[in-house]
Amino acid sequence: MKDLKSSILMFITFTVICGGVYPLAVTGVAYVLFPREAKGSLMADTSGKVTGSSLLGQPFSSPDYFWPRPSATTDFGYNPMGSGGSNAGPTNPDYLKVVGERVKALRATGITGPIPSELVQASASGLDPHISREAARIQIPRVAQTRGISRQDLSKIVDDFTSDRQLGFLGEPRVNVLELNLKLKSLNQRRSSGGN
């Protein structure tokens, strides 16, 4: 009976510490040191409306916005509840058909030459919010023409929203598509309100 009482007390103690005190302490420290990240790295447009998180990809299909990496998540695409890859191998006929359709859609917009793989293949999570600088640059002619903005100005915006390698050597330079498209949306709002 004595051992049972000790076991129950230990269970209650560790439940309170590990299930309550520790998570609250870590969350509190995160809110103090990293308030934006602790709230999910949410992003808002110029009106203050939250449009998504900089950590999760979102669908964009309008020709006047940059298109993200495709999503392999189920149902509606970019669904964080269904995060994961397609698990289809490079010789899977269904996978090859989907990739071929994506290539054809990109070619129809006027893209010539090599197409960066991330514009036709989903990431392992299916939610990657970034594309390479090259994947953004090959979309500049379409977006510039649709928006009536010069390619040079749009190229500068892409460069401004390009993040360098992490710690200077990890990964490749990348562009967060949501951040870039929110910038384009703010240009629309300034233009429609008569601002420069």
C-alpha atoms as a PDB file:
ATOM      1  CA  MET A   1       0.000   0.000   0.000  1.00  0.00           C
ATOM      2  CA  LYS A   2       2.897   2.291   0.816  1.00  0.00           C
ATOM      3  CA  ASP A   3       4.391   1.753  -2.667  1.00  0.00           C
ATOM      4  CA  LEU A   4       1.027   2.442  -4.303  1.00  0.00           C
ATOM      5  CA  LYS A   5       0.683   5.738  -2.402  1.00  0.00           C
ATOM      6  CA  SER A   6       4.238   6.782  -3.421  1.00  0.00           C
ATOM      7  CA  SER A   7       3.527   5.872  -7.056  1.00  0.00           C
ATOM      8  CA  ILE A   8       0.327   7.914  -7.143  1.00  0.00           C
ATOM      9  CA  LEU A   9       2.047  10.925  -5.548  1.00  0.00           C
ATOM     10  CA  MET A  10       4.927  10.691  -8.042  1.00  0.00           C
ATOM     11  CA  PHE A  11       2.435  10.445 -10.912  1.00  0.00           C
ATOM     12  CA  ILE A  12       0.570  13.543  -9.729  1.00  0.00           C
ATOM     13  CA  THR A  13       3.801  15.471  -9.097  1.00  0.00           C
ATOM     14  CA  PHE A  14       5.306  14.732 -12.513  1.00  0.00           C
ATOM     15  CA  THR A  15       1.974  15.405 -14.242  1.00  0.00           C
ATOM     16  CA  VAL A  16       1.826  18.870 -12.654  1.00  0.00           C
ATOM     17  CA  ILE A  17       5.490  19.622 -13.411  1.00  0.00           C
ATOM     18  CA  CYS A  18       5.744  18.141 -16.922  1.00  0.00           C
ATOM     19  CA  GLY A  19       2.181  18.794 -18.028  1.00  0.00           C
ATOM     20  CA  GLY A  20       1.654  22.218 -16.465  1.00  0.00           C
ATOM     21  CA  VAL A  21       4.578  24.089 -14.911  1.00  0.00           C
ATOM     22  CA  TYR A  22       7.198  23.302 -17.581  1.00  0.00           C
ATOM     23  CA  PRO A  23       4.992  24.091 -20.642  1.00  0.00           C
ATOM     24  CA  LEU A  24       3.811  27.339 -19.009  1.00  0.00           C
ATOM     25  CA  ALA A  25       7.387  28.370 -18.199  1.00  0.00           C
ATOM     26  CA  VAL A  26       8.645  27.632 -21.721  1.00  0.00           C
ATOM     27  CA  THR A  27       5.675  29.433 -23.274  1.00  0.00           C
ATOM     28  CA  GLY A  28       6.185  32.430 -20.986  1.00  0.00           C
ATOM     29  CA  VAL A  29       9.889  32.677 -21.863  1.00  0.00           C
ATOM     30  CA  ALA A  30       9.042  32.346 -25.571  1.00  0.00           C
ATOM     31  CA  TYR A  31       6.463  35.149 -25.372  1.00  0.00           C
ATOM     32  CA  VAL A  32       9.029  37.422 -23.717  1.00  0.00           C
ATOM     33  CA  LEU A  33      12.038  36.618 -25.924  1.00  0.00           C
ATOM     34  CA  PHE A  34      10.318  35.725 -29.222  1.00  0.00           C
ATOM     35  CA  PRO A  35       6.781  37.193 -29.161  1.00  0.00           C
ATOM     36  CA  ARG A  36       6.151  36.979 -32.937  1.00  0.00           C
ATOM     37  CA  GLU A  37       7.390  33.410 -33.223  1.00  0.00           C
ATOM     38  CA  ALA A  38       5.517  32.302 -30.085  1.00  0.00           C
ATOM     39  CA  LYS A  39       2.285  33.472 -31.702  1.00  0.00           C
ATOM     40  CA  GLY A  40       2.924  31.421 -34.849  1.00  0.00           C
ATOM     41  CA  SER A  41       4.857  33.974 -36.960  1.00  0.00           C
ATOM     42  CA  LEU A  42       1.536  35.364 -38.168  1.00  0.00           C
ATOM     43  CA  MET A  43       1.561  37.885 -40.984  1.00  0.00           C
ATOM     44  CA  ALA A  44      -0.975  40.621 -41.663  1.00  0.00           C
ATOM     45  CA  ASP A  45      -1.663  42.774 -44.690  1.00  0.00           C
ATOM     46  CA  THR A  46      -1.603  46.576 -44.540  1.00  0.00           C
ATOM     47  CA  SER A  47      -5.179  46.634 -43.213  1.00  0.00           C
ATOM     48  CA  GLY A  48      -4.082  44.516 -40.256  1.00  0.00           C
ATOM     49  CA  LYS A  49      -5.948  41.399 -41.395  1.00  0.00           C
ATOM     50  CA  VAL A  50      -3.987  38.227 -40.574  1.00  0.00           C
ATOM     51  CA  THR A  51      -3.459  36.354 -43.823  1.00  0.00           C
ATOM     52  CA  GLY A  52      -1.269  33.454 -42.725  1.00  0.00           C
ATOM     53  CA  SER A  53       1.990  32.395 -41.166  1.00  0.00           C
ATOM     54  CA  SER A  54       5.424  32.937 -42.659  1.00  0.00           C
ATOM     55  CA  LEU A  55       6.152  29.320 -41.691  1.00  0.00           C
ATOM     56  CA  LEU A  56       3.439  27.734 -43.869  1.00  0.00           C
ATOM     57  CA  GLY A  57       2.945  27.798 -47.610  1.00  0.00           C
ATOM     58  CA  GLN A  58      -0.305  29.089 -49.063  1.00  0.00           C
ATOM     59  CA  PRO A  59      -1.961  28.636 -52.431  1.00  0.00           C
ATOM     60  CA  PHE A  60      -1.610  31.471 -54.940  1.00  0.00           C
ATOM     61  CA  SER A  61      -2.820  30.892 -58.483  1.00  0.00           C
ATOM     62  CA  SER A  62      -3.621  34.384 -59.739  1.00  0.00           C
ATOM     63  CA  PRO A  63      -1.178  35.475 -62.493  1.00  0.00           C
ATOM     64  CA  ASP A  64      -0.453  38.765 -60.709  1.00  0.00           C
ATOM     65  CA  TYR A  65       1.109  36.980 -57.723  1.00  0.00           C
ATOM     66  CA  PHE A  66       4.135  34.752 -57.360  1.00  0.00           C
ATOM     67  CA  TRP A  67       3.246  31.091 -57.241  1.00  0.00           C
ATOM     68  CA  PRO A  68       4.517  28.934 -54.375  1.00  0.00           C
ATOM     69  CA  ARG A  69       5.868  25.445 -54.271  1.00  0.00           C
ATOM     70  CA  PRO A  70       3.066  22.911 -54.865  1.00  0.00           C
ATOM     71  CA  SER A  71       1.561  21.177 -51.865  1.00  0.00           C
ATOM     72  CA  ALA A  72       1.276  17.422 -51.465  1.00  0.00           C
ATOM     73  CA  THR A  73      -1.150  17.688 -48.566  1.00  0.00           C
ATOM     74  CA  THR A  74      -4.528  16.107 -48.949  1.00  0.00           C
ATOM     75  CA  ASP A  75      -7.932  17.684 -49.440  1.00  0.00           C
ATOM     76  CA  PHE A  76      -7.521  21.404 -50.118  1.00  0.00           C
ATOM     77  CA  GLY A  77      -3.740  21.686 -50.376  1.00  0.00           C
ATOM     78  CA  TYR A  78      -1.486  23.479 -47.889  1.00  0.00           C
ATOM     79  CA  ASN A  79      -3.501  21.813 -45.131  1.00  0.00           C
ATOM     80  CA  PRO A  80      -1.327  21.771 -41.978  1.00  0.00           C
ATOM     81  CA  MET A  81      -3.472  18.989 -40.531  1.00  0.00           C
ATOM     82  CA  GLY A  82      -2.393  16.720 -43.393  1.00  0.00           C
ATOM     83  CA  SER A  83       1.273  17.647 -43.548  1.00  0.00           C
ATOM     84  CA  GLY A  84       3.403  15.211 -45.485  1.00  0.00           C
ATOM     85  CA  GLY A  85       4.741  14.297 -48.879  1.00  0.00           C
ATOM     86  CA  SER A  86       2.980  12.283 -51.540  1.00  0.00           C
ATOM     87  CA  ASN A  87       5.294   9.285 -50.983  1.00  0.00           C
ATOM     88  CA  ALA A  88       5.225   8.786 -54.760  1.00  0.00           C
ATOM     89  CA  GLY A  89       8.567   7.775 -56.263  1.00  0.00           C
ATOM     90  CA  PRO A  90      10.152   9.385 -59.339  1.00  0.00           C
ATOM     91  CA  THR A  91       8.918   6.549 -61.585  1.00  0.00           C
ATOM     92  CA  ASN A  92       5.320   6.583 -60.351  1.00  0.00           C
ATOM     93  CA  PRO A  93       3.113   7.283 -63.423  1.00  0.00           C
ATOM     94  CA  ASP A  94       0.570   9.329 -61.449  1.00  0.00           C
ATOM     95  CA  TYR A  95       3.341  11.463 -59.981  1.00  0.00           C
ATOM     96  CA  LEU A  96       4.955  11.969 -63.387  1.00  0.00           C
ATOM     97  CA  LYS A  97       1.590  12.993 -64.826  1.00  0.00           C
ATOM     98  CA  VAL A  98       1.064  15.616 -62.085  1.00  0.00           C
ATOM     99  CA  VAL A  99       4.586  17.009 -62.541  1.00  0.00           C
ATOM    100  CA  GLY A 100       4.099  17.069 -66.336  1.00  0.00           C
ATOM    101  CA  GLU A 101       0.858  19.040 -65.935  1.00  0.00           C
ATOM    102  CA  ARG A 102       2.611  21.539 -63.686  1.00  0.00           C
ATOM    103  CA  VAL A 103       5.421  21.966 -66.212  1.00  0.00           C
ATOM    104  CA  LYS A 104       2.867  22.474 -68.997  1.00  0.00           C
ATOM    105  CA  ALA A 105       1.031  25.118 -66.927  1.00  0.00           C
ATOM    106  CA  LEU A 106       4.283  26.996 -66.325  1.00  0.00           C
ATOM    107  CA  ARG A 107       5.263  26.814 -69.992  1.00  0.00           C
ATOM    108  CA  ALA A 108       1.850  28.251 -70.894  1.00  0.00           C
ATOM    109  CA  THR A 109       2.781  31.411 -68.966  1.00  0.00           C
ATOM    110  CA  GLY A 110       5.778  31.983 -71.233  1.00  0.00           C
ATOM    111  CA  ILE A 111       8.513  30.405 -69.139  1.00  0.00           C
ATOM    112  CA  THR A 112      11.291  28.948 -71.264  1.00  0.00           C
ATOM    113  CA  GLY A 113      14.437  27.144 -70.253  1.00  0.00           C
ATOM    114  CA  PRO A 114      14.936  25.040 -67.133  1.00  0.00           C
ATOM    115  CA  ILE A 115      12.192  25.157 -64.512  1.00  0.00           C
ATOM    116  CA  PRO A 116      13.358  24.974 -60.881  1.00  0.00           C
ATOM    117  CA  SER A 117      12.193  21.705 -59.350  1.00  0.00           C
ATOM    118  CA  GLU A 118      10.417  23.350 -56.436  1.00  0.00           C
ATOM    119  CA  LEU A 119       7.841  24.865 -58.808  1.00  0.00           C
ATOM    120  CA  VAL A 120       6.701  21.410 -59.919  1.00  0.00           C
ATOM    121  CA  GLN A 121       7.522  19.160 -56.947  1.00  0.00           C
ATOM    122  CA  ALA A 122       6.154  19.404 -53.424  1.00  0.00           C
ATOM    123  CA  SER A 123       8.400  19.452 -50.378  1.00  0.00           C
ATOM    124  CA  ALA A 124       8.502  16.625 -47.844  1.00  0.00           C
ATOM    125  CA  SER A 125       6.081  18.464 -45.551  1.00  0.00           C
ATOM    126  CA  GLY A 126       3.892  19.761 -48.364  1.00  0.00           C
ATOM    127  CA  LEU A 127       3.844  23.125 -46.576  1.00  0.00           C
ATOM    128  CA  ASP A 128       7.166  24.751 -47.494  1.00  0.00           C
ATOM    129  CA  PRO A 129       6.644  28.538 -47.690  1.00  0.00           C
ATOM    130  CA  HIS A 130       9.837  29.234 -49.666  1.00  0.00           C
ATOM    131  CA  ILE A 131      10.973  29.012 -53.231  1.00  0.00           C
ATOM    132  CA  SER A 132      14.470  29.624 -54.563  1.00  0.00           C
ATOM    133  CA  ARG A 133      15.515  33.008 -55.901  1.00  0.00           C
ATOM    134  CA  GLU A 134      15.624  31.442 -59.381  1.00  0.00           C
ATOM    135  CA  ALA A 135      12.045  30.155 -59.013  1.00  0.00           C
ATOM    136  CA  ALA A 136      10.931  33.687 -58.150  1.00  0.00           C
ATOM    137  CA  ARG A 137      12.956  35.302 -60.936  1.00  0.00           C
ATOM    138  CA  ILE A 138      11.489  33.156 -63.719  1.00  0.00           C
ATOM    139  CA  GLN A 139       8.036  34.360 -62.635  1.00  0.00           C
ATOM    140  CA  ILE A 140       8.974  38.057 -62.858  1.00  0.00           C
ATOM    141  CA  PRO A 141       7.956  38.515 -66.543  1.00  0.00           C
ATOM    142  CA  ARG A 142       4.434  37.136 -65.913  1.00  0.00           C
ATOM    143  CA  VAL A 143       3.854  39.082 -62.705  1.00  0.00           C
ATOM    144  CA  ALA A 144       5.345  42.300 -64.123  1.00  0.00           C
ATOM    145  CA  GLN A 145       3.190  42.138 -67.244  1.00  0.00           C
ATOM    146  CA  THR A 146       0.000  41.356 -65.309  1.00  0.00           C
ATOM    147  CA  ARG A 147       0.618  44.110 -62.777  1.00  0.00           C
ATOM    148  CA  GLY A 148       1.921  46.713 -65.203  1.00  0.00           C
ATOM    149  CA  ILE A 149       5.157  47.133 -63.263  1.00  0.00           C
ATOM    150  CA  SER A 150       8.647  47.153 -64.747  1.00  0.00           C
ATOM    151  CA  ARG A 151      10.687  43.979 -64.556  1.00  0.00           C
ATOM    152  CA  GLN A 152      13.544  45.933 -62.996  1.00  0.00           C
ATOM    153  CA  ASP A 153      11.360  47.247 -60.161  1.00  0.00           C
ATOM    154  CA  LEU A 154       9.891  43.800 -59.556  1.00  0.00           C
ATOM    155  CA  SER A 155      13.340  42.222 -59.641  1.00  0.00           C
ATOM    156  CA  LYS A 156      14.466  44.659 -56.937  1.00  0.00           C
ATOM    157  CA  ILE A 157      11.465  43.704 -54.776  1.00  0.00           C
ATOM    158  CA  VAL A 158      12.332  40.008 -55.191  1.00  0.00           C
ATOM    159  CA  ASP A 159      15.938  40.738 -54.207  1.00  0.00           C
ATOM    160  CA  ASP A 160      14.739  42.691 -51.150  1.00  0.00           C
ATOM    161  CA  PHE A 161      12.679  39.682 -50.031  1.00  0.00           C
ATOM    162  CA  THR A 162      15.421  37.113 -50.662  1.00  0.00           C
ATOM    163  CA  SER A 163      16.896  35.625 -47.492  1.00  0.00           C
ATOM    164  CA  ASP A 164      20.523  34.554 -47.559  1.00  0.00           C
ATOM    165  CA  ARG A 165      21.796  31.153 -46.511  1.00  0.00           C
ATOM    166  CA  GLN A 166      21.322  30.405 -42.835  1.00  0.00           C
ATOM    167  CA  LEU A 167      24.507  31.135 -40.893  1.00  0.00           C
ATOM    168  CA  GLY A 168      26.071  32.004 -44.241  1.00  0.00           C
ATOM    169  CA  PHE A 169      26.501  28.398 -45.420  1.00  0.00           C
ATOM    170  CA  LEU A 170      23.328  26.357 -44.794  1.00  0.00           C
ATOM    171  CA  GLY A 171      20.826  25.920 -47.594  1.00  0.00           C
ATOM    172  CA  GLU A 172      20.340  28.231 -50.531  1.00  0.00           C
ATOM    173  CA  PRO A 173      19.035  31.802 -50.855  1.00  0.00           C
ATOM    174  CA  ARG A 174      15.239  31.653 -50.672  1.00  0.00           C
ATOM    175  CA  VAL A 175      12.130  33.799 -50.994  1.00  0.00           C
ATOM    176  CA  ASN A 176       9.119  33.552 -48.694  1.00  0.00           C
ATOM    177  CA  VAL A 177       6.203  33.645 -51.147  1.00  0.00           C
ATOM    178  CA  LEU A 178       3.622  34.956 -48.656  1.00  0.00           C
ATOM    179  CA  GLU A 179       5.870  37.843 -47.588  1.00  0.00           C
ATOM    180  CA  LEU A 180       6.589  38.735 -51.221  1.00  0.00           C
ATOM    181  CA  ASN A 181       2.921  38.583 -52.228  1.00  0.00           C
ATOM    182  CA  LEU A 182       1.868  40.693 -49.236  1.00  0.00           C
ATOM    183  CA  LYS A 183       4.314  43.336 -50.466  1.00  0.00           C
ATOM    184  CA  LEU A 184       2.685  43.207 -53.920  1.00  0.00           C
ATOM    185  CA  LYS A 185      -0.742  43.482 -52.297  1.00  0.00           C
ATOM    186  CA  SER A 186       0.391  46.581 -50.379  1.00  0.00           C
ATOM    187  CA  LEU A 187       1.557  48.140 -53.677  1.00  0.00           C
ATOM    188  CA  ASN A 188      -1.951  47.561 -55.072  1.00  0.00           C
ATOM    189  CA  GLN A 189      -3.526  49.233 -52.064  1.00  0.00           C
ATOM    190  CA  ARG A 190      -1.191  52.252 -52.291  1.00  0.00           C
ATOM    191  CA  ARG A 191      -1.823  52.574 -56.014  1.00  0.00           C
ATOM    192  CA  SER A 192      -5.610  52.399 -55.602  1.00  0.00           C
ATOM    193  CA  SER A 193      -5.486  55.029 -52.824  1.00  0.00           C
ATOM    194  CA  GLY A 194      -3.371  57.360 -54.995  1.00  0.00           C
ATOM    195  CA  GLY A 195      -0.148  56.964 -53.011  1.00  0.00           C
ATOM    196  CA  ASN A 196       3.307  56.724 -54.546  1.00  0.00           C
END
